[in-house]
PDB file of N, CA and C in Angstrom:
ATOM      1  N   PHE A   1       0.765  -1.189  -0.211  1.00  0.00           N
ATOM      2  CA  PHE A   1      -0.255   0.042   0.051  1.00  0.00           C
ATOM      3  C   PHE A   1       1.038   1.362  -0.235  1.00  0.00           C
ATOM      4  N   ILE A   2       2.293   0.950   0.423  1.00  0.00           N
ATOM      5  CA  ILE A   2       3.052   2.218   0.537  1.00  0.00           C
ATOM      6  C   ILE A   2       3.578   2.386  -1.015  1.00  0.00           C
ATOM      7  N   LEU A   3       3.768   1.725  -2.074  1.00  0.00           N
ATOM      8  CA  LEU A   3       4.184   1.647  -3.112  1.00  0.00           C
ATOM      9  C   LEU A   3       4.182   2.713  -4.201  1.00  0.00           C
ATOM     10  N   PRO A   4       2.974   3.141  -4.477  1.00  0.00           N
ATOM     11  CA  PRO A   4       2.480   4.259  -4.843  1.00  0.00           C
ATOM     12  C   PRO A   4       3.011   5.806  -4.295  1.00  0.00           C
ATOM     13  N   TYR A   5       3.297   5.893  -2.871  1.00  0.00           N
ATOM     14  CA  TYR A   5       3.549   6.972  -2.367  1.00  0.00           C
ATOM     15  C   TYR A   5       5.481   7.175  -2.392  1.00  0.00           C
ATOM     16  N   LEU A   6       5.979   5.519  -2.452  1.00  0.00           N
ATOM     17  CA  LEU A   6       7.182   5.696  -2.429  1.00  0.00           C
ATOM     18  C   LEU A   6       7.386   6.185  -4.121  1.00  0.00           C
ATOM     19  N   LYS A   7       6.799   5.652  -5.306  1.00  0.00           N
ATOM     20  CA  LYS A   7       6.806   6.158  -6.251  1.00  0.00           C
ATOM     21  C   LYS A   7       6.700   7.964  -6.639  1.00  0.00           C
ATOM     22  N   LYS A   8       5.928   8.457  -6.282  1.00  0.00           N
ATOM     23  CA  LYS A   8       5.604   9.571  -6.168  1.00  0.00           C
ATOM     24  C   LYS A   8       6.421  10.320  -5.649  1.00  0.00           C
ATOM     25  N   ALA A   9       7.122  10.102  -4.752  1.00  0.00           N
ATOM     26  CA  ALA A   9       8.368  10.597  -4.013  1.00  0.00           C
ATOM     27  C   ALA A   9       9.506  10.526  -4.599  1.00  0.00           C
ATOM     28  N   GLY A  10       9.916   9.473  -5.786  1.00  0.00           N
ATOM     29  CA  GLY A  10      10.742   9.276  -6.430  1.00  0.00           C
ATOM     30  C   GLY A  10      11.666   8.045  -5.524  1.00  0.00           C
ATOM     31  N   LEU A  11      11.549   7.786  -4.510  1.00  0.00           N
ATOM     32  CA  LEU A  11      11.994   6.673  -3.786  1.00  0.00           C
ATOM     33  C   LEU A  11      11.800   5.160  -4.093  1.00  0.00           C
ATOM     34  N   GLU A  12      10.821   4.618  -5.310  1.00  0.00           N
ATOM     35  CA  GLU A  12      10.639   3.575  -5.382  1.00  0.00           C
ATOM     36  C   GLU A  12      12.165   2.281  -5.220  1.00  0.00           C
ATOM     37  N   SER A  13      12.836   3.039  -5.240  1.00  0.00           N
ATOM     38  CA  SER A  13      14.551   2.130  -5.362  1.00  0.00           C
ATOM     39  C   SER A  13      14.848   1.562  -3.765  1.00  0.00           C
ATOM     40  N   ILE A  14      13.908   1.872  -2.976  1.00  0.00           N
ATOM     41  CA  ILE A  14      14.323   1.617  -1.392  1.00  0.00           C
ATOM     42  C   ILE A  14      13.768   0.237  -1.352  1.00  0.00           C
ATOM     43  N   ARG A  15      13.176  -0.291  -2.282  1.00  0.00           N
ATOM     44  CA  ARG A  15      12.338  -1.735  -2.147  1.00  0.00           C
ATOM     45  C   ARG A  15      13.276  -2.906  -2.039  1.00  0.00           C
ATOM     46  N   HIS A  16      14.501  -2.600  -2.648  1.00  0.00           N
ATOM     47  CA  HIS A  16      15.441  -3.571  -2.962  1.00  0.00           C
ATOM     48  C   HIS A  16      16.055  -3.725  -1.738  1.00  0.00           C
ATOM     49  N   LEU A  17      16.176  -2.641  -0.462  1.00  0.00           N
ATOM     50  CA  LEU A  17      16.540  -2.661   0.488  1.00  0.00           C
ATOM     51  C   LEU A  17      15.930  -3.795   1.510  1.00  0.00           C
ATOM     52  N   LEU A  18      14.608  -4.248   1.372  1.00  0.00           N
ATOM     53  CA  LEU A  18      13.764  -5.225   2.454  1.00  0.00           C
ATOM     54  C   LEU A  18      14.606  -6.617   2.248  1.00  0.00           C
ATOM     55  N   GLY A  19      15.259  -7.106   1.325  1.00  0.00           N
ATOM     56  CA  GLY A  19      15.808  -8.199   1.297  1.00  0.00           C
ATOM     57  C   GLY A  19      17.347  -8.171   1.994  1.00  0.00           C
ATOM     58  N   ILE A  20      17.520  -7.173   2.035  1.00  0.00           N
ATOM     59  CA  ILE A  20      18.825  -7.410   2.615  1.00  0.00           C
ATOM     60  C   ILE A  20      19.281  -7.972   4.054  1.00  0.00           C
ATOM     61  N   LYS A  21      20.177  -8.615   4.343  1.00  0.00           N
ATOM     62  CA  LYS A  21      20.307  -9.023   5.816  1.00  0.00           C
ATOM     63  C   LYS A  21      21.107  -8.307   6.607  1.00  0.00           C
ATOM     64  N   VAL A  22      20.504  -8.190   7.878  1.00  0.00           N
ATOM     65  CA  VAL A  22      21.429  -7.586   8.623  1.00  0.00           C
ATOM     66  C   VAL A  22      22.629  -8.321   9.368  1.00  0.00           C
ATOM     67  N   ASP A  23      24.117  -7.516   9.476  1.00  0.00           N
ATOM     68  CA  ASP A  23      24.813  -8.282   9.955  1.00  0.00           C
ATOM     69  C   ASP A  23      25.212  -7.718  11.621  1.00  0.00           C
ATOM     70  N   ARG A  24      24.816  -8.193  12.348  1.00  0.00           N
ATOM     71  CA  ARG A  24      24.102  -7.593  13.994  1.00  0.00           C
ATOM     72  C   ARG A  24      25.324  -7.599  14.466  1.00  0.00           C
ATOM     73  N   GLN A  25      26.379  -8.559  14.375  1.00  0.00           N
ATOM     74  CA  GLN A  25      27.750  -8.453  14.690  1.00  0.00           C
ATOM     75  C   GLN A  25      28.545  -7.070  14.505  1.00  0.00           C
ATOM     76  N   LEU A  26      28.281  -6.472  12.877  1.00  0.00           N
ATOM     77  CA  LEU A  26      28.891  -5.456  11.918  1.00  0.00           C
ATOM     78  C   LEU A  26      28.578  -4.433  12.788  1.00  0.00           C
ATOM     79  N   ILE A  27      27.266  -4.048  12.685  1.00  0.00           N
ATOM     80  CA  ILE A  27      26.227  -3.385  13.429  1.00  0.00           C
ATOM     81  C   ILE A  27      26.807  -2.766  15.125  1.00  0.00           C
ATOM     82  N   THR A  28      26.759  -3.684  16.016  1.00  0.00           N
ATOM     83  CA  THR A  28      27.311  -3.374  17.099  1.00  0.00           C
ATOM     84  C   THR A  28      29.060  -3.006  16.749  1.00  0.00           C
ATOM     85  N   ALA A  29      29.726  -3.297  16.262  1.00  0.00           N
ATOM     86  CA  ALA A  29      31.178  -2.990  16.210  1.00  0.00           C
ATOM     87  C   ALA A  29      30.999  -1.729  15.712  1.00  0.00           C
ATOM     88  N   LEU A  30      30.213  -1.533  14.861  1.00  0.00           N
ATOM     89  CA  LEU A  30      30.216   0.067  14.364  1.00  0.00           C
ATOM     90  C   LEU A  30      29.689   0.920  15.306  1.00  0.00           C
ATOM     91  N   VAL A  31      28.591   0.589  16.092  1.00  0.00           N
ATOM     92  CA  VAL A  31      28.099   1.650  17.141  1.00  0.00           C
ATOM     93  C   VAL A  31      28.945   1.550  18.443  1.00  0.00           C
ATOM     94  N   GLU A  32      30.033   0.427  18.684  1.00  0.00           N
ATOM     95  CA  GLU A  32      31.221   1.011  19.419  1.00  0.00           C
ATOM     96  C   GLU A  32      31.960   1.512  19.346  1.00  0.00           C
ATOM     97  N   ARG A  33      32.268   1.816  17.823  1.00  0.00           N
ATOM     98  CA  ARG A  33      33.479   2.339  17.540  1.00  0.00           C
ATOM     99  C   ARG A  33      33.026   4.323  17.308  1.00  0.00           C
ATOM    100  N   TRP A  34      31.493   4.207  17.204  1.00  0.00           N
ATOM    101  CA  TRP A  34      31.096   5.788  16.993  1.00  0.00           C
ATOM    102  C   TRP A  34      31.195   6.904  17.772  1.00  0.00           C
ATOM    103  N   ARG A  35      31.819   7.748  17.636  1.00  0.00           N
ATOM    104  CA  ARG A  35      31.819   8.993  18.655  1.00  0.00           C
ATOM    105  C   ARG A  35      31.472  10.211  17.907  1.00  0.00           C
ATOM    106  N   LYS A  36      30.104   9.989  19.330  1.00  0.00           N
ATOM    107  CA  LYS A  36      29.222  11.253  19.164  1.00  0.00           C
ATOM    108  C   LYS A  36      29.872  12.512  18.694  1.00  0.00           C
ATOM    109  N   GLU A  37      30.945  12.996  19.554  1.00  0.00           N
ATOM    110  CA  GLU A  37      31.272  13.960  19.642  1.00  0.00           C
ATOM    111  C   GLU A  37      32.124  14.597  18.304  1.00  0.00           C
ATOM    112  N   THR A  38      32.490  13.804  17.883  1.00  0.00           N
ATOM    113  CA  THR A  38      33.406  13.655  15.824  1.00  0.00           C
ATOM    114  C   THR A  38      32.077  13.734  15.188  1.00  0.00           C
ATOM    115  N   HIS A  39      31.394  13.182  15.450  1.00  0.00           N
ATOM    116  CA  HIS A  39      30.173  12.161  14.420  1.00  0.00           C
ATOM    117  C   HIS A  39      31.087  11.357  13.348  1.00  0.00           C
ATOM    118  N   CYS A  40      31.759  10.690  13.713  1.00  0.00           N
ATOM    119  CA  CYS A  40      33.095   9.748  13.400  1.00  0.00           C
ATOM    120  C   CYS A  40      33.116   8.348  13.901  1.00  0.00           C
ATOM    121  N   PHE A  41      33.632   7.443  13.136  1.00  0.00           N
ATOM    122  CA  PHE A  41      33.691   6.265  13.341  1.00  0.00           C
ATOM    123  C   PHE A  41      35.279   6.261  13.663  1.00  0.00           C
ATOM    124  N   ASN A  42      35.721   5.808  14.858  1.00  0.00           N
ATOM    125  CA  ASN A  42      36.961   5.821  15.637  1.00  0.00           C
ATOM    126  C   ASN A  42      37.671   4.392  15.099  1.00  0.00           C
ATOM    127  N   PHE A  43      38.700   4.231  14.225  1.00  0.00           N
ATOM    128  CA  PHE A  43      39.167   2.785  13.562  1.00  0.00           C
ATOM    129  C   PHE A  43      40.874   2.822  14.258  1.00  0.00           C
ATOM    130  N   ARG A  44      41.340   1.909  13.839  1.00  0.00           N
ATOM    131  CA  ARG A  44      42.553   1.921  14.367  1.00  0.00           C
ATOM    132  C   ARG A  44      43.698   2.655  13.148  1.00  0.00           C
ATOM    133  N   GLU A  45      42.864   2.683  12.048  1.00  0.00           N
ATOM    134  CA  GLU A  45      43.648   3.250  10.553  1.00  0.00           C
ATOM    135  C   GLU A  45      43.436   4.692  10.797  1.00  0.00           C
ATOM    136  N   GLY A  46      42.125   5.022  11.698  1.00  0.00           N
ATOM    137  CA  GLY A  46      42.128   6.260  11.834  1.00  0.00           C
ATOM    138  C   GLY A  46      40.622   6.932  11.971  1.00  0.00           C
ATOM    139  N   GLU A  47      40.104   8.190  11.684  1.00  0.00           N
ATOM    140  CA  GLU A  47      39.007   8.404  11.735  1.00  0.00           C
ATOM    141  C   GLU A  47      38.036   8.431  10.076  1.00  0.00           C
ATOM    142  N   CYS A  48      36.577   7.792  10.572  1.00  0.00           N
ATOM    143  CA  CYS A  48      35.718   7.650   9.262  1.00  0.00           C
ATOM    144  C   CYS A  48      34.530   8.586   9.476  1.00  0.00           C
ATOM    145  N   THR A  49      34.391   9.217   8.500  1.00  0.00           N
ATOM    146  CA  THR A  49      32.527   9.714   8.669  1.00  0.00           C
ATOM    147  C   THR A  49      31.707   9.168   7.465  1.00  0.00           C
ATOM    148  N   ILE A  50      30.713   8.919   7.633  1.00  0.00           N
ATOM    149  CA  ILE A  50      29.657   8.705   6.634  1.00  0.00           C
ATOM    150  C   ILE A  50      29.089   9.977   5.989  1.00  0.00           C
ATOM    151  N   THR A  51      28.973   9.985   4.695  1.00  0.00           N
ATOM    152  CA  THR A  51      28.295  11.363   4.313  1.00  0.00           C
ATOM    153  C   THR A  51      26.783  10.908   3.560  1.00  0.00           C
ATOM    154  N   LEU A  52      26.200  11.773   3.172  1.00  0.00           N
ATOM    155  CA  LEU A  52      24.840  11.598   2.289  1.00  0.00           C
ATOM    156  C   LEU A  52      25.134  11.040   0.974  1.00  0.00           C
ATOM    157  N   LYS A  53      26.073  11.241   0.654  1.00  0.00           N
ATOM    158  CA  LYS A  53      26.225  10.915  -0.749  1.00  0.00           C
ATOM    159  C   LYS A  53      27.042   9.146  -0.744  1.00  0.00           C
ATOM    160  N   ASP A  54      27.411   9.284   0.390  1.00  0.00           N
ATOM    161  CA  ASP A  54      28.015   7.495   0.845  1.00  0.00           C
ATOM    162  C   ASP A  54      26.512   6.661   1.058  1.00  0.00           C
ATOM    163  N   VAL A  55      25.754   7.376   1.762  1.00  0.00           N
ATOM    164  CA  VAL A  55      24.384   6.449   1.937  1.00  0.00           C
ATOM    165  C   VAL A  55      23.377   6.368   0.670  1.00  0.00           C
ATOM    166  N   ALA A  56      23.728   7.525  -0.222  1.00  0.00           N
ATOM    167  CA  ALA A  56      23.434   7.468  -1.527  1.00  0.00           C
ATOM    168  C   ALA A  56      23.609   6.292  -2.661  1.00  0.00           C
ATOM    169  N   ILE A  57      24.710   6.257  -2.640  1.00  0.00           N
ATOM    170  CA  ILE A  57      25.539   5.093  -3.171  1.00  0.00           C
ATOM    171  C   ILE A  57      24.804   3.789  -2.887  1.00  0.00           C
ATOM    172  N   LEU A  58      25.110   3.734  -1.493  1.00  0.00           N
ATOM    173  CA  LEU A  58      24.717   2.476  -0.982  1.00  0.00           C
ATOM    174  C   LEU A  58      23.138   2.011  -1.079  1.00  0.00           C
ATOM    175  N   THR A  59      22.323   2.771  -1.030  1.00  0.00           N
ATOM    176  CA  THR A  59      21.055   2.640  -1.043  1.00  0.00           C
ATOM    177  C   THR A  59      20.436   2.816  -2.547  1.00  0.00           C
ATOM    178  N   HIS A  60      20.907   3.734  -3.467  1.00  0.00           N
ATOM    179  CA  HIS A  60      20.650   3.759  -4.227  1.00  0.00           C
ATOM    180  C   HIS A  60      19.511   4.942  -4.445  1.00  0.00           C
ATOM    181  N   LEU A  61      19.190   5.639  -3.661  1.00  0.00           N
ATOM    182  CA  LEU A  61      18.403   6.320  -2.906  1.00  0.00           C
ATOM    183  C   LEU A  61      18.648   8.001  -3.673  1.00  0.00           C
ATOM    184  N   PRO A  62      17.595   8.505  -4.136  1.00  0.00           N
ATOM    185  CA  PRO A  62      18.361  10.016  -5.058  1.00  0.00           C
ATOM    186  C   PRO A  62      18.495  11.157  -3.636  1.00  0.00           C
ATOM    187  N   ILE A  63      19.416  11.853  -3.987  1.00  0.00           N
ATOM    188  CA  ILE A  63      19.310  12.872  -3.062  1.00  0.00           C
ATOM    189  C   ILE A  63      19.290  14.150  -3.700  1.00  0.00           C
ATOM    190  N   ASP A  64      19.049  14.325  -4.653  1.00  0.00           N
ATOM    191  CA  ASP A  64      18.603  15.548  -5.238  1.00  0.00           C
ATOM    192  C   ASP A  64      17.454  15.778  -5.332  1.00  0.00           C
ATOM    193  N   GLY A  65      16.928  17.182  -5.164  1.00  0.00           N
ATOM    194  CA  GLY A  65      15.586  17.613  -5.327  1.00  0.00           C
ATOM    195  C   GLY A  65      14.816  18.172  -4.133  1.00  0.00           C
ATOM    196  N   LYS A  66      13.649  18.008  -3.945  1.00  0.00           N
ATOM    197  CA  LYS A  66      12.915  18.522  -2.435  1.00  0.00           C
ATOM    198  C   LYS A  66      13.025  17.682  -1.455  1.00  0.00           C
ATOM    199  N   ALA A  67      13.160  17.964  -0.413  1.00  0.00           N
ATOM    200  CA  ALA A  67      13.347  17.196   0.803  1.00  0.00           C
ATOM    201  C   ALA A  67      11.579  16.349   0.876  1.00  0.00           C
ATOM    202  N   VAL A  68      11.477  15.341   1.352  1.00  0.00           N
ATOM    203  CA  VAL A  68      10.508  14.197   1.428  1.00  0.00           C
ATOM    204  C   VAL A  68       9.958  14.583   3.111  1.00  0.00           C
ATOM    205  N   CYS A  69       8.755  14.953   3.347  1.00  0.00           N
ATOM    206  CA  CYS A  69       8.603  14.954   4.531  1.00  0.00           C
ATOM    207  C   CYS A  69       7.278  14.217   5.074  1.00  0.00           C
ATOM    208  N   VAL A  70       7.393  13.475   5.727  1.00  0.00           N
ATOM    209  CA  VAL A  70       5.999  12.432   5.843  1.00  0.00           C
ATOM    210  C   VAL A  70       5.148  12.987   7.462  1.00  0.00           C
ATOM    211  N   SER A  71       4.396  13.286   7.745  1.00  0.00           N
ATOM    212  CA  SER A  71       3.497  13.471   8.837  1.00  0.00           C
ATOM    213  C   SER A  71       2.082  12.884   9.070  1.00  0.00           C
ATOM    214  N   ASP A  72       1.904  12.300  10.332  1.00  0.00           N
ATOM    215  CA  ASP A  72       0.494  11.320  10.613  1.00  0.00           C
ATOM    216  C   ASP A  72      -0.309  12.320   9.936  1.00  0.00           C
ATOM    217  N   PRO A  73      -1.145  11.244   9.404  1.00  0.00           N
ATOM    218  CA  PRO A  73      -2.773  11.924   8.980  1.00  0.00           C
ATOM    219  C   PRO A  73      -3.503  12.588   9.808  1.00  0.00           C
ATOM    220  N   PRO A  74      -4.083  13.588  10.072  1.00  0.00           N
ATOM    221  CA  PRO A  74      -5.042  14.294  11.192  1.00  0.00           C
ATOM    222  C   PRO A  74      -5.790  13.526  11.904  1.00  0.00           C
ATOM    223  N   PRO A  75      -5.864  13.458  13.284  1.00  0.00           N
ATOM    224  CA  PRO A  75      -7.069  12.404  13.916  1.00  0.00           C
ATOM    225  C   PRO A  75      -8.379  12.748  13.149  1.00  0.00           C
ATOM    226  N   PRO A  76      -9.193  12.068  13.146  1.00  0.00           N
ATOM    227  CA  PRO A  76     -10.711  11.877  12.649  1.00  0.00           C
ATOM    228  C   PRO A  76     -11.599  13.086  13.447  1.00  0.00           C
ATOM    229  N   PRO A  77     -12.444  13.724  12.898  1.00  0.00           N
ATOM    230  CA  PRO A  77     -13.256  14.641  13.824  1.00  0.00           C
ATOM    231  C   PRO A  77     -14.049  13.941  14.786  1.00  0.00           C
ATOM    232  N   GLN A  78     -13.914  14.819  16.015  1.00  0.00           N
ATOM    233  CA  GLN A  78     -14.318  13.955  17.280  1.00  0.00           C
ATOM    234  C   GLN A  78     -15.946  14.695  17.355  1.00  0.00           C
ATOM    235  N   ASP A  79     -16.922  13.757  17.737  1.00  0.00           N
ATOM    236  CA  ASP A  79     -18.254  13.806  18.063  1.00  0.00           C
ATOM    237  C   ASP A  79     -18.541  15.016  19.012  1.00  0.00           C
ATOM    238  N   CYS A  80     -19.062  16.318  18.719  1.00  0.00           N
ATOM    239  CA  CYS A  80     -19.215  17.081  20.084  1.00  0.00           C
ATOM    240  C   CYS A  80     -20.576  17.101  20.551  1.00  0.00           C
ATOM    241  N   ASP A  81     -21.029  16.298  20.672  1.00  0.00           N
ATOM    242  CA  ASP A  81     -22.565  16.033  21.412  1.00  0.00           C
ATOM    243  C   ASP A  81     -22.627  16.585  22.773  1.00  0.00           C
ATOM    244  N   GLY A  82     -23.170  17.403  23.061  1.00  0.00           N
ATOM    245  CA  GLY A  82     -23.163  17.566  24.741  1.00  0.00           C
ATOM    246  C   GLY A  82     -22.279  18.722  25.421  1.00  0.00           C
ATOM    247  N   ILE A  83     -21.562  19.499  24.114  1.00  0.00           N
ATOM    248  CA  ILE A  83     -20.547  20.444  24.589  1.00  0.00           C
ATOM    249  C   ILE A  83     -21.479  21.740  23.744  1.00  0.00           C
TER     250      ILE A  83
END
């Protein structure tokens, strides 16, 4: 049901991410090496940061154009009986 919205936003390529297996040990290792003070990963070889372009290359998602913002739909109107 979300595919039409992804197409409209130009994010249809995100579908290929659903089949990716997550390596929990790798994620844990990266989290342990993240330094929030510098916004970098701290490795023996030096510091490494991830840019928006890096994410775009890995996910095949577009980074050009307008930002996509999603908000929850407004709540349904409430019955005002007795007010």
